[in-house]
C-alpha cells in the first residue's frame, strides 16, 4: 500500500552522446583529449519518475473478488501485493502473497486427494482415505496469474472455475459444482470391500447393485480405497496386465469401466467360479471389481464417465 522512491546515486556509466560530441570537434586534430562525462541519474522530481510513481499509486486501491464455488474472497493489492515496480511502461510484480492465499483456499475447499466422511447405503458414516483421483483443486500458478492480470486490468471479478484441475484420465477437475455429500454429489458408485458389494446411485436414488469380488488380499492386491472416478468405458474390451501368479495375461471381457490410474475397474468375469463373500481374501482379483456376467450389463449401463467411485 505504499510507494517509495529510491534515492538517486551517481554512477560511472559514460555519457556516450556527450563524449561523441567532444570527439567530433577534435577528430581532425593530431591529439584528441576527452573530458570524462558520466550519465546522471533521474531525480525524484523528474516527470518520468513522477509518472512511474503515479502508475504505482493507481494499483493501491485495486481489489479482485475471487469466487470459489459459493464463497467469495476479496483479494486486494494492499494485502497481497508486497512489491511491484513500474518500468518502461509496464508493471512488474516482484513479490506477492497470492500463492499462500490460494493454498489456504485449497485447504479449505478443494476436494482432490482429500479424506472424506461418507454416508454408506446402510446409514453409517465411514472415513474414506485420501489419495484418490476424484475431485478438483486450484492450480496455484494459474490462479495467481489470473488474479495478477485482473489487478493490472482493474477487473474486479473472477470465477475460480477457470483455474481448477484434476488428476488421472480427466485432468480438468471433477465435482466443482457438487456442493453436497462432501463434494461427491448424489450420483456415484459405492463399493464396500467388507460387504463385497457395489451400489449405484443417480440423483440420490439407488438404480443398480451387485455382488462383486475385489482384489486378492493375501497377496496385497487389494482394490485401493479412496474416491476415484470412471475414467472411461469400453464394450467389448481386452484386459492386459499382470497379477500374482500370472505375469502377463490378456483376457476378453464384454464390459469394462476403469476407475483407477493403476488399472482397476468393473468388468464381467465369466471365468470366475468362486463368488463367496470371503473370496477376495485368498481368491480375489488382481485389483479389479469382478462382477457376475448376468449383472455386469446393468452396472455398465448405469455408470457414466467422470462419475465418482467410492471404495472403502
C-alpha atoms as a PDB file:
ATOM      1  CA  UNK A   1       0.000   0.000   0.000  1.00  0.00           C
ATOM      2  CA  UNK A   2       2.984   2.328  -0.026  1.00  0.00           C
ATOM      3  CA  UNK A   3       5.026   3.789  -2.862  1.00  0.00           C
ATOM      4  CA  UNK A   4       8.639   4.762  -2.255  1.00  0.00           C
ATOM      5  CA  UNK A   5      11.339   6.190  -4.492  1.00  0.00           C
ATOM      6  CA  UNK A   6      14.920   5.032  -4.092  1.00  0.00           C
ATOM      7  CA  UNK A   7      17.272   7.999  -3.773  1.00  0.00           C
ATOM      8  CA  UNK A   8      19.356   8.504  -6.933  1.00  0.00           C
ATOM      9  CA  UNK A   9      23.072   7.732  -6.830  1.00  0.00           C
ATOM     10  CA  UNK A  10      25.760   8.871  -9.217  1.00  0.00           C
ATOM     11  CA  UNK A  11      27.187   6.033 -11.274  1.00  0.00           C
ATOM     12  CA  UNK A  12      30.212   5.551 -13.538  1.00  0.00           C
ATOM     13  CA  UNK A  13      28.482   4.862 -16.857  1.00  0.00           C
ATOM     14  CA  UNK A  14      29.893   7.077 -19.591  1.00  0.00           C
ATOM     15  CA  UNK A  15      27.584   9.530 -21.364  1.00  0.00           C
ATOM     16  CA  UNK A  16      28.447   8.324 -24.854  1.00  0.00           C
ATOM     17  CA  UNK A  17      26.464  11.062 -26.609  1.00  0.00           C
ATOM     18  CA  UNK A  18      28.393  13.815 -24.797  1.00  0.00           C
ATOM     19  CA  UNK A  19      31.735  12.118 -25.430  1.00  0.00           C
ATOM     20  CA  UNK A  20      30.962  11.793 -29.141  1.00  0.00           C
ATOM     21  CA  UNK A  21      30.160  15.476 -29.372  1.00  0.00           C
ATOM     22  CA  UNK A  22      33.581  16.249 -27.939  1.00  0.00           C
ATOM     23  CA  UNK A  23      35.236  13.823 -30.291  1.00  0.00           C
ATOM     24  CA  UNK A  24      33.529  15.259 -33.367  1.00  0.00           C
ATOM     25  CA  UNK A  25      35.034  18.657 -32.589  1.00  0.00           C
ATOM     26  CA  UNK A  26      38.529  17.160 -32.229  1.00  0.00           C
ATOM     27  CA  UNK A  27      38.573  14.252 -34.673  1.00  0.00           C
ATOM     28  CA  UNK A  28      40.922  16.028 -37.132  1.00  0.00           C
ATOM     29  CA  UNK A  29      43.364  17.247 -34.518  1.00  0.00           C
ATOM     30  CA  UNK A  30      46.657  15.386 -34.061  1.00  0.00           C
ATOM     31  CA  UNK A  31      45.721  14.703 -30.459  1.00  0.00           C
ATOM     32  CA  UNK A  32      42.252  14.107 -29.081  1.00  0.00           C
ATOM     33  CA  UNK A  33      41.513  14.606 -25.406  1.00  0.00           C
ATOM     34  CA  UNK A  34      38.032  13.977 -23.989  1.00  0.00           C
ATOM     35  CA  UNK A  35      36.763  15.269 -20.676  1.00  0.00           C
ATOM     36  CA  UNK A  36      35.033  12.464 -18.774  1.00  0.00           C
ATOM     37  CA  UNK A  37      31.248  12.755 -18.855  1.00  0.00           C
ATOM     38  CA  UNK A  38      29.027  10.399 -16.851  1.00  0.00           C
ATOM     39  CA  UNK A  39      25.322   9.754 -17.241  1.00  0.00           C
ATOM     40  CA  UNK A  40      23.337  11.412 -14.467  1.00  0.00           C
ATOM     41  CA  UNK A  41      20.545   9.579 -12.621  1.00  0.00           C
ATOM     42  CA  UNK A  42      16.969  10.792 -12.830  1.00  0.00           C
ATOM     43  CA  UNK A  43      15.916  12.984  -9.953  1.00  0.00           C
ATOM     44  CA  UNK A  44      12.922  12.076  -7.830  1.00  0.00           C
ATOM     45  CA  UNK A  45      11.202  15.200  -9.096  1.00  0.00           C
ATOM     46  CA  UNK A  46      11.643  14.279 -12.764  1.00  0.00           C
ATOM     47  CA  UNK A  47       8.499  13.819 -14.837  1.00  0.00           C
ATOM     48  CA  UNK A  48       9.425  10.210 -15.649  1.00  0.00           C
ATOM     49  CA  UNK A  49       9.853   9.177 -12.022  1.00  0.00           C
ATOM     50  CA  UNK A  50       6.692  11.027 -11.008  1.00  0.00           C
ATOM     51  CA  UNK A  51       4.766   9.244 -13.759  1.00  0.00           C
ATOM     52  CA  UNK A  52       6.042   5.881 -12.546  1.00  0.00           C
ATOM     53  CA  UNK A  53       5.054   6.802  -9.003  1.00  0.00           C
ATOM     54  CA  UNK A  54       1.544   7.704 -10.155  1.00  0.00           C
ATOM     55  CA  UNK A  55       1.212   4.415 -12.016  1.00  0.00           C
ATOM     56  CA  UNK A  56       2.100   2.503  -8.846  1.00  0.00           C
ATOM     57  CA  UNK A  57      -0.345   4.570  -6.800  1.00  0.00           C
ATOM     58  CA  UNK A  58      -3.073   3.524  -9.228  1.00  0.00           C
ATOM     59  CA  UNK A  59      -2.579  -0.076  -8.069  1.00  0.00           C
ATOM     60  CA  UNK A  60      -3.142   0.792  -4.440  1.00  0.00           C
ATOM     61  CA  UNK A  61      -6.975   0.596  -4.266  1.00  0.00           C
ATOM     62  CA  UNK A  62      -7.445  -2.358  -6.603  1.00  0.00           C
ATOM     63  CA  UNK A  63      -9.238  -5.483  -5.446  1.00  0.00           C
ATOM     64  CA  UNK A  64     -10.479  -8.669  -7.116  1.00  0.00           C
ATOM     65  CA  UNK A  65     -13.469 -10.618  -5.829  1.00  0.00           C
ATOM     66  CA  UNK A  66     -12.417 -14.215  -6.445  1.00  0.00           C
ATOM     67  CA  UNK A  67     -15.376 -16.595  -6.319  1.00  0.00           C
ATOM     68  CA  UNK A  68     -14.682 -20.234  -5.434  1.00  0.00           C
ATOM     69  CA  UNK A  69     -17.944 -22.187  -5.658  1.00  0.00           C
ATOM     70  CA  UNK A  70     -20.282 -20.131  -3.432  1.00  0.00           C
ATOM     71  CA  UNK A  71     -17.544 -18.412  -1.411  1.00  0.00           C
ATOM     72  CA  UNK A  72     -16.160 -15.005  -2.380  1.00  0.00           C
ATOM     73  CA  UNK A  73     -12.669 -13.823  -1.434  1.00  0.00           C
ATOM     74  CA  UNK A  74     -11.679 -10.164  -1.643  1.00  0.00           C
ATOM     75  CA  UNK A  75      -8.064 -10.161  -2.800  1.00  0.00           C
ATOM     76  CA  UNK A  76      -6.609  -6.663  -2.575  1.00  0.00           C
ATOM     77  CA  UNK A  77      -3.252  -5.355  -3.722  1.00  0.00           C
ATOM     78  CA  UNK A  78      -2.909  -3.652  -0.363  1.00  0.00           C
ATOM     79  CA  UNK A  79      -2.959  -7.018   1.438  1.00  0.00           C
ATOM     80  CA  UNK A  80      -1.313  -9.338  -1.073  1.00  0.00           C
ATOM     81  CA  UNK A  81       0.957  -7.309  -3.345  1.00  0.00           C
ATOM     82  CA  UNK A  82       4.213  -6.977  -1.422  1.00  0.00           C
ATOM     83  CA  UNK A  83       6.478  -5.443  -4.057  1.00  0.00           C
ATOM     84  CA  UNK A  84       5.922  -4.097  -7.568  1.00  0.00           C
ATOM     85  CA  UNK A  85       7.730  -1.756  -9.923  1.00  0.00           C
ATOM     86  CA  UNK A  86       6.681   0.228 -12.965  1.00  0.00           C
ATOM     87  CA  UNK A  87       9.356   0.413 -15.605  1.00  0.00           C
ATOM     88  CA  UNK A  88       9.475   1.067 -19.339  1.00  0.00           C
ATOM     89  CA  UNK A  89       5.697   1.381 -19.491  1.00  0.00           C
ATOM     90  CA  UNK A  90       4.975  -1.926 -17.731  1.00  0.00           C
ATOM     91  CA  UNK A  91       4.092  -3.204 -14.275  1.00  0.00           C
ATOM     92  CA  UNK A  92       6.244  -5.937 -12.757  1.00  0.00           C
ATOM     93  CA  UNK A  93       5.017  -7.838  -9.703  1.00  0.00           C
ATOM     94  CA  UNK A  94       8.173  -8.757  -7.811  1.00  0.00           C
ATOM     95  CA  UNK A  95       6.605 -10.346  -4.734  1.00  0.00           C
ATOM     96  CA  UNK A  96       3.059 -11.320  -3.765  1.00  0.00           C
ATOM     97  CA  UNK A  97       1.376 -13.489  -1.144  1.00  0.00           C
ATOM     98  CA  UNK A  98      -1.038 -14.941  -3.704  1.00  0.00           C
ATOM     99  CA  UNK A  99       0.385 -18.463  -3.628  1.00  0.00           C
ATOM    100  CA  UNK A 100      -0.101 -18.686   0.136  1.00  0.00           C
ATOM    101  CA  UNK A 101      -3.645 -17.358  -0.166  1.00  0.00           C
ATOM    102  CA  UNK A 102      -4.568 -19.825  -2.932  1.00  0.00           C
ATOM    103  CA  UNK A 103      -3.101 -22.699  -0.906  1.00  0.00           C
ATOM    104  CA  UNK A 104      -5.288 -21.635   2.027  1.00  0.00           C
ATOM    105  CA  UNK A 105      -8.348 -21.710  -0.229  1.00  0.00           C
ATOM    106  CA  UNK A 106      -7.373 -25.175  -1.468  1.00  0.00           C
ATOM    107  CA  UNK A 107      -7.045 -26.439   2.104  1.00  0.00           C
ATOM    108  CA  UNK A 108     -10.491 -25.119   2.908  1.00  0.00           C
ATOM    109  CA  UNK A 109     -12.459 -26.040  -0.223  1.00  0.00           C
ATOM    110  CA  UNK A 110     -10.609 -28.242  -2.724  1.00  0.00           C
ATOM    111  CA  UNK A 111     -11.585 -31.912  -2.750  1.00  0.00           C
ATOM    112  CA  UNK A 112      -8.809 -33.549  -4.769  1.00  0.00           C
ATOM    113  CA  UNK A 113      -6.952 -36.234  -2.820  1.00  0.00           C
ATOM    114  CA  UNK A 114      -8.628 -35.482   0.496  1.00  0.00           C
ATOM    115  CA  UNK A 115     -10.124 -37.814   3.083  1.00  0.00           C
ATOM    116  CA  UNK A 116     -13.917 -37.620   3.171  1.00  0.00           C
ATOM    117  CA  UNK A 117     -16.712 -38.608   5.517  1.00  0.00           C
ATOM    118  CA  UNK A 118     -19.107 -40.759   3.522  1.00  0.00           C
ATOM    119  CA  UNK A 119     -22.583 -41.917   4.475  1.00  0.00           C
ATOM    120  CA  UNK A 120     -22.963 -45.520   3.321  1.00  0.00           C
ATOM    121  CA  UNK A 121     -26.080 -47.218   1.961  1.00  0.00           C
ATOM    122  CA  UNK A 122     -26.902 -48.573   5.421  1.00  0.00           C
ATOM    123  CA  UNK A 123     -26.781 -45.124   7.008  1.00  0.00           C
ATOM    124  CA  UNK A 124     -23.377 -45.418   8.660  1.00  0.00           C
ATOM    125  CA  UNK A 125     -20.629 -42.827   8.204  1.00  0.00           C
ATOM    126  CA  UNK A 126     -17.163 -44.032   7.262  1.00  0.00           C
ATOM    127  CA  UNK A 127     -13.916 -42.201   6.623  1.00  0.00           C
ATOM    128  CA  UNK A 128     -12.712 -42.812   3.090  1.00  0.00           C
ATOM    129  CA  UNK A 129      -8.926 -42.302   2.951  1.00  0.00           C
ATOM    130  CA  UNK A 130      -7.234 -39.645   0.841  1.00  0.00           C
ATOM    131  CA  UNK A 131      -5.253 -40.382  -2.282  1.00  0.00           C
ATOM    132  CA  UNK A 132      -7.976 -40.970  -4.880  1.00  0.00           C
ATOM    133  CA  UNK A 133      -8.191 -39.106  -8.188  1.00  0.00           C
ATOM    134  CA  UNK A 134     -11.735 -37.731  -7.987  1.00  0.00           C
ATOM    135  CA  UNK A 135     -12.101 -34.048  -7.165  1.00  0.00           C
ATOM    136  CA  UNK A 136     -10.682 -30.662  -8.038  1.00  0.00           C
ATOM    137  CA  UNK A 137      -8.025 -28.287  -6.822  1.00  0.00           C
ATOM    138  CA  UNK A 138      -6.908 -24.793  -7.819  1.00  0.00           C
ATOM    139  CA  UNK A 139      -3.818 -24.606  -9.999  1.00  0.00           C
ATOM    140  CA  UNK A 140      -1.801 -22.221  -7.836  1.00  0.00           C
ATOM    141  CA  UNK A 141       0.322 -20.640 -10.562  1.00  0.00           C
ATOM    142  CA  UNK A 142      -2.555 -20.312 -12.997  1.00  0.00           C
ATOM    143  CA  UNK A 143      -4.853 -18.773 -10.410  1.00  0.00           C
ATOM    144  CA  UNK A 144      -2.153 -16.313  -9.300  1.00  0.00           C
ATOM    145  CA  UNK A 145      -1.524 -15.267 -12.908  1.00  0.00           C
ATOM    146  CA  UNK A 146      -5.233 -14.655 -13.499  1.00  0.00           C
ATOM    147  CA  UNK A 147      -5.546 -12.593 -10.321  1.00  0.00           C
ATOM    148  CA  UNK A 148      -2.473 -10.535 -11.185  1.00  0.00           C
ATOM    149  CA  UNK A 149      -3.865  -9.888 -14.661  1.00  0.00           C
ATOM    150  CA  UNK A 150      -7.161  -8.783 -13.092  1.00  0.00           C
ATOM    151  CA  UNK A 151      -5.257  -6.355 -10.867  1.00  0.00           C
ATOM    152  CA  UNK A 152      -3.465  -4.959 -13.907  1.00  0.00           C
ATOM    153  CA  UNK A 153      -6.627  -4.531 -15.970  1.00  0.00           C
ATOM    154  CA  UNK A 154      -8.662  -3.347 -12.967  1.00  0.00           C
ATOM    155  CA  UNK A 155     -11.083  -6.246 -13.426  1.00  0.00           C
ATOM    156  CA  UNK A 156     -12.788  -6.627 -10.061  1.00  0.00           C
ATOM    157  CA  UNK A 157     -14.420 -10.044 -10.505  1.00  0.00           C
ATOM    158  CA  UNK A 158     -13.080 -13.546 -11.284  1.00  0.00           C
ATOM    159  CA  UNK A 159     -14.538 -17.057 -11.126  1.00  0.00           C
ATOM    160  CA  UNK A 160     -12.146 -19.755  -9.928  1.00  0.00           C
ATOM    161  CA  UNK A 161     -13.706 -22.425 -12.151  1.00  0.00           C
ATOM    162  CA  UNK A 162     -11.242 -21.472 -14.896  1.00  0.00           C
ATOM    163  CA  UNK A 163      -8.348 -22.343 -12.572  1.00  0.00           C
ATOM    164  CA  UNK A 164      -9.267 -25.866 -11.410  1.00  0.00           C
ATOM    165  CA  UNK A 165      -7.538 -29.081 -12.421  1.00  0.00           C
ATOM    166  CA  UNK A 166      -7.845 -32.814 -11.768  1.00  0.00           C
ATOM    167  CA  UNK A 167      -5.784 -35.994 -11.889  1.00  0.00           C
ATOM    168  CA  UNK A 168      -5.845 -39.208 -13.869  1.00  0.00           C
ATOM    169  CA  UNK A 169      -7.516 -39.733 -17.240  1.00  0.00           C
ATOM    170  CA  UNK A 170      -9.524 -36.498 -16.992  1.00  0.00           C
ATOM    171  CA  UNK A 171      -7.324 -33.596 -15.915  1.00  0.00           C
ATOM    172  CA  UNK A 172      -9.840 -30.744 -15.886  1.00  0.00           C
ATOM    173  CA  UNK A 173     -11.143 -31.369 -12.359  1.00  0.00           C
ATOM    174  CA  UNK A 174     -14.363 -33.105 -11.325  1.00  0.00           C
ATOM    175  CA  UNK A 175     -17.116 -32.253  -8.869  1.00  0.00           C
ATOM    176  CA  UNK A 176     -16.576 -28.480  -8.656  1.00  0.00           C
ATOM    177  CA  UNK A 177     -20.339 -27.924  -8.874  1.00  0.00           C
ATOM    178  CA  UNK A 178     -21.119 -30.679  -6.346  1.00  0.00           C
ATOM    179  CA  UNK A 179     -21.728 -28.907  -3.059  1.00  0.00           C
ATOM    180  CA  UNK A 180     -23.357 -31.837  -1.250  1.00  0.00           C
ATOM    181  CA  UNK A 181     -22.132 -35.128   0.195  1.00  0.00           C
ATOM    182  CA  UNK A 182     -18.611 -33.809   0.923  1.00  0.00           C
ATOM    183  CA  UNK A 183     -18.180 -32.763  -2.695  1.00  0.00           C
ATOM    184  CA  UNK A 184     -19.306 -36.048  -4.263  1.00  0.00           C
ATOM    185  CA  UNK A 185     -22.889 -35.138  -5.033  1.00  0.00           C
ATOM    186  CA  UNK A 186     -25.745 -37.627  -5.298  1.00  0.00           C
ATOM    187  CA  UNK A 187     -24.686 -39.686  -8.337  1.00  0.00           C
ATOM    188  CA  UNK A 188     -21.937 -42.196  -7.620  1.00  0.00           C
ATOM    189  CA  UNK A 189     -20.843 -45.820  -7.312  1.00  0.00           C
ATOM    190  CA  UNK A 190     -20.325 -47.156  -3.787  1.00  0.00           C
ATOM    191  CA  UNK A 191     -18.001 -50.134  -3.297  1.00  0.00           C
ATOM    192  CA  UNK A 192     -17.749 -51.892   0.067  1.00  0.00           C
ATOM    193  CA  UNK A 193     -14.813 -54.266   0.341  1.00  0.00           C
ATOM    194  CA  UNK A 194     -16.120 -55.744   3.579  1.00  0.00           C
ATOM    195  CA  UNK A 195     -19.555 -56.435   2.076  1.00  0.00           C
ATOM    196  CA  UNK A 196     -18.187 -57.298  -1.408  1.00  0.00           C
ATOM    197  CA  UNK A 197     -20.995 -55.280  -2.947  1.00  0.00           C
ATOM    198  CA  UNK A 198     -21.436 -52.313  -5.288  1.00  0.00           C
ATOM    199  CA  UNK A 199     -24.399 -49.910  -5.265  1.00  0.00           C
ATOM    200  CA  UNK A 200     -25.062 -47.313  -7.944  1.00  0.00           C
ATOM    201  CA  UNK A 201     -26.942 -44.104  -7.188  1.00  0.00           C
ATOM    202  CA  UNK A 202     -28.357 -41.469  -9.526  1.00  0.00           C
ATOM    203  CA  UNK A 203     -29.707 -38.240  -8.037  1.00  0.00           C
ATOM    204  CA  UNK A 204     -29.804 -39.920  -4.641  1.00  0.00           C
ATOM    205  CA  UNK A 205     -31.795 -42.958  -5.787  1.00  0.00           C
ATOM    206  CA  UNK A 206     -30.331 -46.461  -5.956  1.00  0.00           C
ATOM    207  CA  UNK A 207     -30.533 -47.710  -9.550  1.00  0.00           C
ATOM    208  CA  UNK A 208     -28.396 -50.871  -9.513  1.00  0.00           C
ATOM    209  CA  UNK A 209     -26.494 -53.185  -7.213  1.00  0.00           C
ATOM    210  CA  UNK A 210     -24.424 -56.350  -7.495  1.00  0.00           C
ATOM    211  CA  UNK A 211     -22.186 -58.642  -5.555  1.00  0.00           C
ATOM    212  CA  UNK A 212     -18.521 -58.368  -6.587  1.00  0.00           C
ATOM    213  CA  UNK A 213     -15.129 -59.875  -5.839  1.00  0.00           C
ATOM    214  CA  UNK A 214     -12.388 -57.311  -5.259  1.00  0.00           C
ATOM    215  CA  UNK A 215      -8.573 -57.552  -5.185  1.00  0.00           C
ATOM    216  CA  UNK A 216      -6.828 -60.500  -3.583  1.00  0.00           C
ATOM    217  CA  UNK A 217      -5.989 -59.516  -0.010  1.00  0.00           C
ATOM    218  CA  UNK A 218      -3.466 -62.272   0.776  1.00  0.00           C
ATOM    219  CA  UNK A 219      -1.091 -61.059  -1.969  1.00  0.00           C
ATOM    220  CA  UNK A 220      -1.557 -57.338  -1.301  1.00  0.00           C
ATOM    221  CA  UNK A 221      -3.565 -56.761  -4.481  1.00  0.00           C
ATOM    222  CA  UNK A 222      -6.497 -55.164  -2.673  1.00  0.00           C
ATOM    223  CA  UNK A 223      -8.720 -52.831  -4.644  1.00  0.00           C
ATOM    224  CA  UNK A 224      -7.407 -49.433  -3.486  1.00  0.00           C
ATOM    225  CA  UNK A 225      -9.611 -47.474  -1.120  1.00  0.00           C
ATOM    226  CA  UNK A 226     -10.362 -43.839  -1.874  1.00  0.00           C
ATOM    227  CA  UNK A 227     -12.554 -41.664  -4.070  1.00  0.00           C
ATOM    228  CA  UNK A 228     -11.947 -42.415  -7.755  1.00  0.00           C
ATOM    229  CA  UNK A 229     -13.972 -41.871 -10.902  1.00  0.00           C
ATOM    230  CA  UNK A 230     -14.978 -43.731 -14.055  1.00  0.00           C
ATOM    231  CA  UNK A 231     -12.135 -42.885 -16.410  1.00  0.00           C
ATOM    232  CA  UNK A 232     -13.688 -44.445 -19.484  1.00  0.00           C
ATOM    233  CA  UNK A 233     -15.974 -47.288 -20.597  1.00  0.00           C
ATOM    234  CA  UNK A 234     -15.425 -49.853 -23.324  1.00  0.00           C
ATOM    235  CA  UNK A 235     -17.557 -52.718 -24.633  1.00  0.00           C
ATOM    236  CA  UNK A 236     -16.169 -55.191 -25.537  1.00  0.00           C
ATOM    237  CA  UNK A 237     -12.610 -54.884 -24.296  1.00  0.00           C
ATOM    238  CA  UNK A 238      -9.366 -56.811 -23.904  1.00  0.00           C
ATOM    239  CA  UNK A 239      -7.719 -56.539 -20.496  1.00  0.00           C
ATOM    240  CA  UNK A 240      -3.958 -56.886 -20.342  1.00  0.00           C
ATOM    241  CA  UNK A 241      -1.711 -56.797 -17.309  1.00  0.00           C
ATOM    242  CA  UNK A 242      -0.166 -58.862 -14.546  1.00  0.00           C
ATOM    243  CA  UNK A 243      -1.194 -60.285 -11.209  1.00  0.00           C
ATOM    244  CA  UNK A 244       0.236 -62.610  -8.603  1.00  0.00           C
ATOM    245  CA  UNK A 245       0.985 -65.931 -10.286  1.00  0.00           C
ATOM    246  CA  UNK A 246       0.215 -64.564 -13.756  1.00  0.00           C
ATOM    247  CA  UNK A 247       2.942 -62.273 -15.041  1.00  0.00           C
ATOM    248  CA  UNK A 248       1.349 -61.490 -18.391  1.00  0.00           C
ATOM    249  CA  UNK A 249      -2.347 -62.015 -19.014  1.00  0.00           C
ATOM    250  CA  UNK A 250      -4.716 -60.990 -21.796  1.00  0.00           C
ATOM    251  CA  UNK A 251      -8.422 -61.672 -21.411  1.00  0.00           C
ATOM    252  CA  UNK A 252     -11.540 -60.619 -23.294  1.00  0.00           C
ATOM    253  CA  UNK A 253     -14.495 -59.138 -21.429  1.00  0.00           C
ATOM    254  CA  UNK A 254     -17.844 -57.839 -22.594  1.00  0.00           C
ATOM    255  CA  UNK A 255     -17.841 -54.745 -20.384  1.00  0.00           C
ATOM    256  CA  UNK A 256     -15.045 -52.649 -18.907  1.00  0.00           C
ATOM    257  CA  UNK A 257     -15.237 -49.470 -16.816  1.00  0.00           C
ATOM    258  CA  UNK A 258     -11.882 -48.357 -15.399  1.00  0.00           C
ATOM    259  CA  UNK A 259     -11.740 -46.201 -12.267  1.00  0.00           C
ATOM    260  CA  UNK A 260      -8.097 -46.064 -11.073  1.00  0.00           C
ATOM    261  CA  UNK A 261      -4.953 -44.971 -12.853  1.00  0.00           C
ATOM    262  CA  UNK A 262      -3.326 -48.257 -11.840  1.00  0.00           C
ATOM    263  CA  UNK A 263      -5.837 -50.190 -13.967  1.00  0.00           C
ATOM    264  CA  UNK A 264      -8.614 -51.241 -11.609  1.00  0.00           C
ATOM    265  CA  UNK A 265     -12.170 -51.244 -12.875  1.00  0.00           C
ATOM    266  CA  UNK A 266     -15.508 -53.030 -13.098  1.00  0.00           C
ATOM    267  CA  UNK A 267     -15.732 -55.932 -15.551  1.00  0.00           C
ATOM    268  CA  UNK A 268     -17.529 -59.204 -16.093  1.00  0.00           C
ATOM    269  CA  UNK A 269     -15.536 -62.312 -15.136  1.00  0.00           C
ATOM    270  CA  UNK A 270     -17.017 -65.360 -16.862  1.00  0.00           C
ATOM    271  CA  UNK A 271     -14.079 -67.491 -15.727  1.00  0.00           C
ATOM    272  CA  UNK A 272     -14.731 -66.953 -12.022  1.00  0.00           C
ATOM    273  CA  UNK A 273     -16.499 -69.722 -10.102  1.00  0.00           C
ATOM    274  CA  UNK A 274     -15.907 -68.513  -6.550  1.00  0.00           C
ATOM    275  CA  UNK A 275     -18.297 -65.667  -5.726  1.00  0.00           C
ATOM    276  CA  UNK A 276     -18.302 -66.129  -1.943  1.00  0.00           C
ATOM    277  CA  UNK A 277     -18.266 -63.020   0.255  1.00  0.00           C
ATOM    278  CA  UNK A 278     -14.823 -64.028   1.502  1.00  0.00           C
ATOM    279  CA  UNK A 279     -13.389 -64.973  -1.909  1.00  0.00           C
ATOM    280  CA  UNK A 280     -11.377 -61.749  -2.064  1.00  0.00           C
ATOM    281  CA  UNK A 281      -9.261 -62.796   0.915  1.00  0.00           C
ATOM    282  CA  UNK A 282      -7.400 -65.624  -0.869  1.00  0.00           C
ATOM    283  CA  UNK A 283      -9.073 -65.901  -4.279  1.00  0.00           C
ATOM    284  CA  UNK A 284      -9.594 -62.297  -5.243  1.00  0.00           C
ATOM    285  CA  UNK A 285      -8.843 -60.464  -8.453  1.00  0.00           C
ATOM    286  CA  UNK A 286      -5.686 -58.608  -9.428  1.00  0.00           C
ATOM    287  CA  UNK A 287      -7.312 -55.432  -8.082  1.00  0.00           C
ATOM    288  CA  UNK A 288     -10.460 -55.076 -10.185  1.00  0.00           C
ATOM    289  CA  UNK A 289     -14.063 -55.422  -9.099  1.00  0.00           C
ATOM    290  CA  UNK A 290     -15.088 -58.715 -10.725  1.00  0.00           C
ATOM    291  CA  UNK A 291     -18.827 -58.595 -11.445  1.00  0.00           C
ATOM    292  CA  UNK A 292     -21.117 -61.510 -12.373  1.00  0.00           C
ATOM    293  CA  UNK A 293     -21.806 -61.657 -16.114  1.00  0.00           C
ATOM    294  CA  UNK A 294     -25.584 -61.552 -15.654  1.00  0.00           C
ATOM    295  CA  UNK A 295     -25.337 -58.296 -13.681  1.00  0.00           C
ATOM    296  CA  UNK A 296     -22.474 -56.509 -15.397  1.00  0.00           C
ATOM    297  CA  UNK A 297     -24.520 -55.122 -18.313  1.00  0.00           C
ATOM    298  CA  UNK A 298     -26.826 -53.289 -15.902  1.00  0.00           C
ATOM    299  CA  UNK A 299     -23.882 -51.978 -13.880  1.00  0.00           C
ATOM    300  CA  UNK A 300     -22.130 -50.850 -17.067  1.00  0.00           C
ATOM    301  CA  UNK A 301     -25.194 -49.074 -18.449  1.00  0.00           C
ATOM    302  CA  UNK A 302     -25.751 -47.178 -15.215  1.00  0.00           C
ATOM    303  CA  UNK A 303     -22.189 -45.856 -14.988  1.00  0.00           C
ATOM    304  CA  UNK A 304     -21.061 -42.619 -16.622  1.00  0.00           C
ATOM    305  CA  UNK A 305     -17.630 -41.260 -17.410  1.00  0.00           C
ATOM    306  CA  UNK A 306     -16.470 -38.945 -14.631  1.00  0.00           C
ATOM    307  CA  UNK A 307     -18.828 -40.458 -12.063  1.00  0.00           C
ATOM    308  CA  UNK A 308     -17.271 -40.827  -8.598  1.00  0.00           C
ATOM    309  CA  UNK A 309     -16.453 -44.307  -7.304  1.00  0.00           C
ATOM    310  CA  UNK A 310     -16.105 -44.541  -3.518  1.00  0.00           C
ATOM    311  CA  UNK A 311     -14.147 -47.562  -2.326  1.00  0.00           C
ATOM    312  CA  UNK A 312     -13.974 -48.224   1.406  1.00  0.00           C
END
